[in-house]
Amino acid sequence: MGFYQGRALRTERAREPRRRNLPALLPRLLPRLLAVLLALVILSLLPWRRLRRAAVVTNVRVEGVHYLDSARVLKIADIRPGADLLSLDLERVRQRLRLDPRIAGAAVTRTLPRGVSIRVVEREPVLLVQHGEPWEVDSCGVLLSPLAAGVVADVPLLAGPRFERVKAGAWILTPQVRRGIAWVRALAAPDLQLSGQVSQVDVSQSDSTEVLLMSGTRVLSPAWPPSHQDLMALRVVLADLQHRGTRAEAVDMRFRNQVIVRPGKPAATPSAAWSGPGPARQS
């Protein structure tokens, strides 16, 4: 029986060294235990209510605004100086900002010592559409209500579709809106610089587009923007007309590799002023 080498004996022998080493560990564990107890005592003596009252937001900085103003961003974020800094949920603030139709992206961070920084990315209007009154559309097709009654961005009006029943923030990427955005992008090429001359883009016809310039000249074209080379030819023609002091009624680009200018009607020759008897003379 004395030669039994079963699992029970091996287990008992494995436990014996641990029991003998436990007293040796106490001198090393005792300083740590005392440090933890001291920290708990100090924490219990701190004036937590006073510290809580001091942990408030003292400064909120808003960056990235162009059409919006800082006050409106703070109202959307529902955060202002004096808010509880410890309970502030930055992710929830960011989500509130992202829900606004005019904000495409937002980042909210804490800044030392007790500040908050908000950086927003606004949606840039590229077109106006009919919504009873003109509303704005960004390059992604998101519908934007005016910031104030009658106040809209200085961008071309898309004539044809109407969106009176559509709410702000909706995506309205219909074929007509896509075509209007494509025209805006094509005319905004840096070497063309034609976007600032456009007053209206009429997409009411499915097979053609009419671009109305600020000068009153109508540019007749196929439905989608022509090649960049054709648009460069349009730019040259418009620059030449402006240099000559001539206004064209229409510029027709519906034929490939051709730009046809229809001159405006000549003004009637005015009669010379006269006084006294006798017929008036033509100048």
Protein backbone atom coordinates (compact mmCIF):
# COMPACT_ATOMS: atom_id res chain seq x y z
CA MET A 1 0.00 0.00 0.00
CA GLY A 2 2.88 2.35 0.56
CA PHE A 3 3.75 2.25 -3.15
CA TYR A 4 0.37 3.72 -4.31
CA GLN A 5 0.98 6.55 -6.86
CA GLY A 6 -2.63 7.54 -7.66
CA ARG A 7 -4.02 10.96 -8.72
CA ALA A 8 -5.25 11.79 -5.23
CA LEU A 9 -1.70 11.65 -3.80
CA ARG A 10 -0.34 13.79 -6.64
CA THR A 11 -3.03 16.40 -6.02
CA GLU A 12 -2.26 16.58 -2.30
CA ARG A 13 1.43 16.94 -2.98
CA ALA A 14 0.80 19.72 -5.49
CA ARG A 15 -1.22 21.69 -2.94
CA GLU A 16 1.32 21.49 -0.15
CA PRO A 17 3.90 23.95 -1.61
CA ARG A 18 1.16 26.57 -2.16
CA ARG A 19 0.10 26.39 1.48
CA ARG A 20 3.65 26.73 2.63
CA ASN A 21 4.31 29.77 0.25
CA LEU A 22 1.21 31.79 1.25
CA PRO A 23 2.79 33.36 4.37
CA ALA A 24 5.77 34.37 2.26
CA LEU A 25 3.50 36.40 -0.08
CA LEU A 26 1.92 38.48 2.68
CA PRO A 27 4.83 40.94 3.06
CA ARG A 28 4.59 41.78 -0.63
CA LEU A 29 0.78 42.03 -0.74
CA LEU A 30 0.44 44.12 2.43
CA PRO A 31 1.76 47.43 0.95
CA ARG A 32 -0.59 47.09 -1.99
CA LEU A 33 -3.57 46.43 0.25
CA LEU A 34 -2.71 49.43 2.38
CA ALA A 35 -2.40 51.64 -0.75
CA VAL A 36 -5.85 50.57 -1.95
CA LEU A 37 -7.39 51.25 1.47
CA LEU A 38 -5.72 54.67 1.60
CA ALA A 39 -7.05 55.55 -1.86
CA LEU A 40 -10.56 54.54 -0.84
CA VAL A 41 -10.34 56.71 2.28
CA ILE A 42 -9.14 59.72 0.25
CA LEU A 43 -11.87 59.26 -2.36
CA SER A 44 -14.51 59.10 0.35
CA LEU A 45 -13.30 62.43 1.77
CA LEU A 46 -13.39 64.34 -1.53
CA PRO A 47 -16.17 66.99 -1.97
CA TRP A 48 -17.87 65.22 -4.84
CA ARG A 49 -20.87 67.56 -5.01
CA ARG A 50 -18.64 70.58 -5.37
CA LEU A 51 -16.51 68.85 -7.98
CA ARG A 52 -19.64 67.82 -9.87
CA ARG A 53 -20.81 71.44 -9.98
CA ALA A 54 -17.41 72.48 -11.34
CA ALA A 55 -17.40 69.83 -14.11
CA VAL A 56 -19.42 71.87 -16.60
CA VAL A 57 -18.81 72.93 -20.17
CA THR A 58 -17.24 76.37 -20.24
CA ASN A 59 -16.56 76.73 -23.96
CA VAL A 60 -18.10 75.31 -27.16
CA ARG A 61 -16.28 75.92 -30.44
CA VAL A 62 -18.04 75.41 -33.79
CA GLU A 63 -16.01 74.99 -36.98
CA GLY A 64 -16.81 74.35 -40.64
CA VAL A 65 -19.93 76.53 -40.94
CA HIS A 66 -20.61 78.45 -44.15
CA TYR A 67 -24.36 78.66 -44.72
CA LEU A 68 -25.28 77.78 -41.12
CA ASP A 69 -24.27 79.91 -38.14
CA SER A 70 -22.79 78.74 -34.86
CA ALA A 71 -25.94 79.50 -32.87
CA ARG A 72 -28.03 77.23 -35.08
CA VAL A 73 -25.48 74.41 -34.84
CA LEU A 74 -25.47 74.66 -31.04
CA LYS A 75 -29.27 74.57 -31.02
CA ILE A 76 -29.28 71.42 -33.16
CA ALA A 77 -26.61 69.80 -30.97
CA ASP A 78 -28.52 70.82 -27.82
CA ILE A 79 -25.31 71.75 -26.04
CA ARG A 80 -24.26 75.06 -24.53
CA PRO A 81 -21.86 76.44 -21.90
CA GLY A 82 -22.93 75.25 -18.45
CA ALA A 83 -23.90 71.74 -19.54
CA ASP A 84 -22.79 68.78 -17.42
CA LEU A 85 -19.43 67.73 -18.84
CA LEU A 86 -19.38 64.29 -17.18
CA SER A 87 -22.76 63.14 -18.48
CA LEU A 88 -22.26 64.59 -21.97
CA ASP A 89 -22.76 61.87 -24.61
CA LEU A 90 -20.63 62.97 -27.57
CA GLU A 91 -21.96 60.24 -29.86
CA ARG A 92 -25.54 61.29 -29.21
CA VAL A 93 -24.63 64.91 -29.96
CA ARG A 94 -23.06 63.82 -33.24
CA GLN A 95 -26.16 61.85 -34.18
CA ARG A 96 -28.37 64.87 -33.52
CA LEU A 97 -26.22 66.93 -35.87
CA ARG A 98 -26.26 64.25 -38.57
CA LEU A 99 -30.08 64.20 -38.51
CA ASP A 100 -30.22 67.79 -39.77
CA PRO A 101 -30.68 67.82 -43.58
CA ARG A 102 -28.06 70.55 -44.06
CA ILE A 103 -25.28 68.67 -42.23
CA ALA A 104 -23.53 65.89 -44.13
CA GLY A 105 -21.06 65.00 -41.37
CA ALA A 106 -20.04 66.03 -37.86
CA ALA A 107 -17.29 65.36 -35.33
CA VAL A 108 -17.63 66.18 -31.60
CA THR A 109 -14.65 66.05 -29.22
CA ARG A 110 -13.74 67.25 -25.74
CA THR A 111 -11.05 69.91 -25.42
CA LEU A 112 -9.03 70.69 -22.31
CA PRO A 113 -9.81 71.75 -19.72
CA ARG A 114 -13.61 71.93 -19.99
CA GLY A 115 -14.43 72.64 -23.62
CA VAL A 116 -16.18 70.92 -26.51
CA SER A 117 -15.28 71.22 -30.19
CA ILE A 118 -17.87 70.68 -32.95
CA ARG A 119 -16.79 70.42 -36.58
CA VAL A 120 -19.52 70.10 -39.21
CA VAL A 121 -19.48 69.39 -42.94
CA GLU A 122 -22.35 71.24 -44.61
CA ARG A 123 -24.20 70.23 -47.74
CA GLU A 124 -23.36 72.62 -50.57
CA PRO A 125 -26.39 73.68 -52.70
CA VAL A 126 -25.84 73.32 -56.45
CA LEU A 127 -29.38 73.79 -57.78
CA LEU A 128 -32.73 75.32 -56.90
CA VAL A 129 -35.93 73.34 -57.48
CA GLN A 130 -39.60 74.26 -57.36
CA HIS A 131 -41.20 73.55 -54.00
CA GLY A 132 -43.92 76.16 -54.08
CA GLU A 133 -40.97 78.46 -53.54
CA PRO A 134 -37.38 77.70 -54.57
CA TRP A 135 -35.67 75.09 -52.39
CA GLU A 136 -32.06 73.94 -52.67
CA VAL A 137 -30.53 70.63 -53.72
CA ASP A 138 -26.97 69.52 -53.04
CA SER A 139 -24.74 67.49 -55.38
CA CYS A 140 -26.03 64.22 -53.86
CA GLY A 141 -29.67 65.10 -54.58
CA VAL A 142 -30.65 65.93 -50.98
CA LEU A 143 -33.51 68.44 -50.75
CA LEU A 144 -32.76 71.43 -48.47
CA SER A 145 -35.32 73.91 -47.15
CA PRO A 146 -34.32 77.61 -47.14
CA LEU A 147 -32.44 78.89 -44.10
CA ALA A 148 -34.92 81.79 -44.02
CA ALA A 149 -38.00 82.72 -46.03
CA GLY A 150 -36.93 83.85 -49.48
CA VAL A 151 -33.21 83.33 -48.77
CA VAL A 152 -31.56 80.75 -51.04
CA ALA A 153 -28.11 80.18 -52.50
CA ASP A 154 -27.09 81.91 -55.72
CA VAL A 155 -27.24 78.78 -57.90
CA PRO A 156 -29.17 77.94 -61.09
CA LEU A 157 -32.86 77.03 -61.02
CA LEU A 158 -33.82 73.58 -62.34
CA ALA A 159 -36.93 74.13 -64.45
CA GLY A 160 -39.28 71.20 -65.08
CA PRO A 161 -39.75 68.96 -62.01
CA ARG A 162 -41.65 70.04 -58.91
CA PHE A 163 -41.30 68.68 -55.37
CA GLU A 164 -44.02 70.37 -53.28
CA ARG A 165 -44.89 67.15 -51.42
CA VAL A 166 -41.32 66.13 -50.61
CA LYS A 167 -39.87 66.86 -47.16
CA ALA A 168 -36.48 68.40 -46.48
CA GLY A 169 -33.70 65.83 -46.24
CA ALA A 170 -35.22 63.50 -48.83
CA TRP A 171 -33.18 62.16 -51.73
CA ILE A 172 -34.70 63.34 -55.03
CA LEU A 173 -32.28 61.82 -57.53
CA THR A 174 -34.82 61.56 -60.34
CA PRO A 175 -33.50 61.39 -63.94
CA GLN A 176 -34.26 65.10 -64.34
CA VAL A 177 -32.37 66.05 -61.18
CA ARG A 178 -29.45 63.85 -62.20
CA ARG A 179 -29.33 65.60 -65.54
CA GLY A 180 -29.40 69.05 -63.92
CA ILE A 181 -26.56 68.11 -61.55
CA ALA A 182 -24.56 66.75 -64.49
CA TRP A 183 -24.95 70.09 -66.29
CA VAL A 184 -23.85 72.03 -63.21
CA ARG A 185 -20.75 69.84 -62.83
CA ALA A 186 -19.85 70.12 -66.51
CA LEU A 187 -20.20 73.91 -66.61
CA ALA A 188 -18.24 74.31 -63.36
CA ALA A 189 -15.01 72.92 -64.86
CA PRO A 190 -12.14 75.26 -63.89
CA ASP A 191 -11.11 75.95 -67.49
CA LEU A 192 -14.68 76.80 -68.52
CA GLN A 193 -15.85 79.09 -65.71
CA LEU A 194 -19.39 79.10 -67.09
CA SER A 195 -21.37 78.12 -63.99
CA GLY A 196 -21.55 81.72 -62.77
CA GLN A 197 -23.25 82.75 -66.04
CA VAL A 198 -26.13 80.24 -65.74
CA SER A 199 -29.54 81.37 -64.50
CA GLN A 200 -31.67 78.32 -65.28
CA VAL A 201 -31.37 74.75 -66.53
CA ASP A 202 -34.59 73.59 -68.20
CA VAL A 203 -34.94 69.79 -68.26
CA SER A 204 -38.66 69.66 -68.98
CA GLN A 205 -38.00 68.01 -72.37
CA SER A 206 -36.64 64.47 -72.26
CA ASP A 207 -34.59 64.79 -75.47
CA SER A 208 -33.08 68.27 -75.00
CA THR A 209 -31.91 70.73 -72.36
CA GLU A 210 -32.13 74.51 -72.50
CA VAL A 211 -29.64 76.52 -70.44
CA LEU A 212 -30.62 80.13 -69.82
CA LEU A 213 -27.68 82.48 -69.24
CA MET A 214 -27.72 85.62 -67.11
CA SER A 215 -27.45 87.67 -70.31
CA GLY A 216 -30.76 86.24 -71.56
CA THR A 217 -29.11 84.00 -74.17
CA ARG A 218 -30.60 80.51 -74.47
CA VAL A 219 -28.20 77.62 -75.02
CA LEU A 220 -29.96 74.76 -76.82
CA SER A 221 -28.33 71.37 -76.38
CA PRO A 222 -28.97 67.63 -76.28
CA ALA A 223 -30.39 66.29 -73.03
CA TRP A 224 -27.06 65.50 -71.36
CA PRO A 225 -24.00 67.78 -71.38
CA PRO A 226 -21.94 67.53 -74.56
CA SER A 227 -18.23 66.82 -74.60
CA HIS A 228 -15.79 69.09 -72.85
CA GLN A 229 -14.45 70.17 -76.25
CA ASP A 230 -17.92 71.33 -77.34
CA LEU A 231 -18.33 73.26 -74.08
CA MET A 232 -14.97 74.91 -74.70
CA ALA A 233 -16.25 75.99 -78.12
CA LEU A 234 -19.32 77.44 -76.40
CA ARG A 235 -17.09 79.38 -74.05
CA VAL A 236 -15.12 80.83 -76.97
CA VAL A 237 -18.32 81.87 -78.76
CA LEU A 238 -19.77 83.54 -75.68
CA ALA A 239 -16.49 85.37 -75.00
CA ASP A 240 -16.39 86.60 -78.60
CA LEU A 241 -19.99 87.84 -78.42
CA GLN A 242 -19.23 89.67 -75.19
CA HIS A 243 -16.11 91.23 -76.74
CA ARG A 244 -18.15 92.48 -79.72
CA GLY A 245 -20.88 93.81 -77.44
CA THR A 246 -23.40 91.58 -79.23
CA ARG A 247 -26.15 89.64 -77.51
CA ALA A 248 -27.27 86.37 -79.04
CA GLU A 249 -30.87 85.26 -78.71
CA ALA A 250 -29.83 81.61 -78.79
CA VAL A 251 -26.76 79.42 -79.21
CA ASP A 252 -27.67 76.08 -80.74
CA MET A 253 -25.41 73.11 -79.85
CA ARG A 254 -27.77 70.33 -80.87
CA PHE A 255 -25.69 69.45 -83.92
CA ARG A 256 -22.42 67.62 -83.49
CA ASN A 257 -19.25 69.74 -83.72
CA GLN A 258 -21.29 72.85 -84.53
CA VAL A 259 -22.18 75.95 -82.55
CA ILE A 260 -24.87 78.00 -84.29
CA VAL A 261 -25.48 81.54 -83.09
CA ARG A 262 -28.86 83.15 -83.53
CA PRO A 263 -28.34 86.91 -83.14
CA GLY A 264 -30.81 88.92 -81.15
CA LYS A 265 -33.32 91.15 -82.85
CA PRO A 266 -31.89 94.60 -83.62
CA ALA A 267 -33.38 97.40 -81.59
CA ALA A 268 -35.77 99.72 -83.41
CA THR A 269 -34.23 103.03 -84.53
CA PRO A 270 -35.64 105.73 -82.24
CA SER A 271 -37.18 108.90 -83.68
CA ALA A 272 -35.30 112.13 -83.14
CA ALA A 273 -36.81 114.48 -80.65
CA TRP A 274 -38.30 117.62 -82.12
CA SER A 275 -39.97 120.87 -81.08
CA GLY A 276 -41.97 123.43 -82.95
CA PRO A 277 -43.90 123.04 -86.22
CA GLY A 278 -42.95 120.66 -88.96
CA PRO A 279 -42.59 116.88 -89.13
CA ALA A 280 -40.04 115.01 -87.05
CA ARG A 281 -36.91 113.85 -88.90
CA GLN A 282 -35.39 110.39 -88.64
CA SER A 283 -31.82 110.41 -87.34
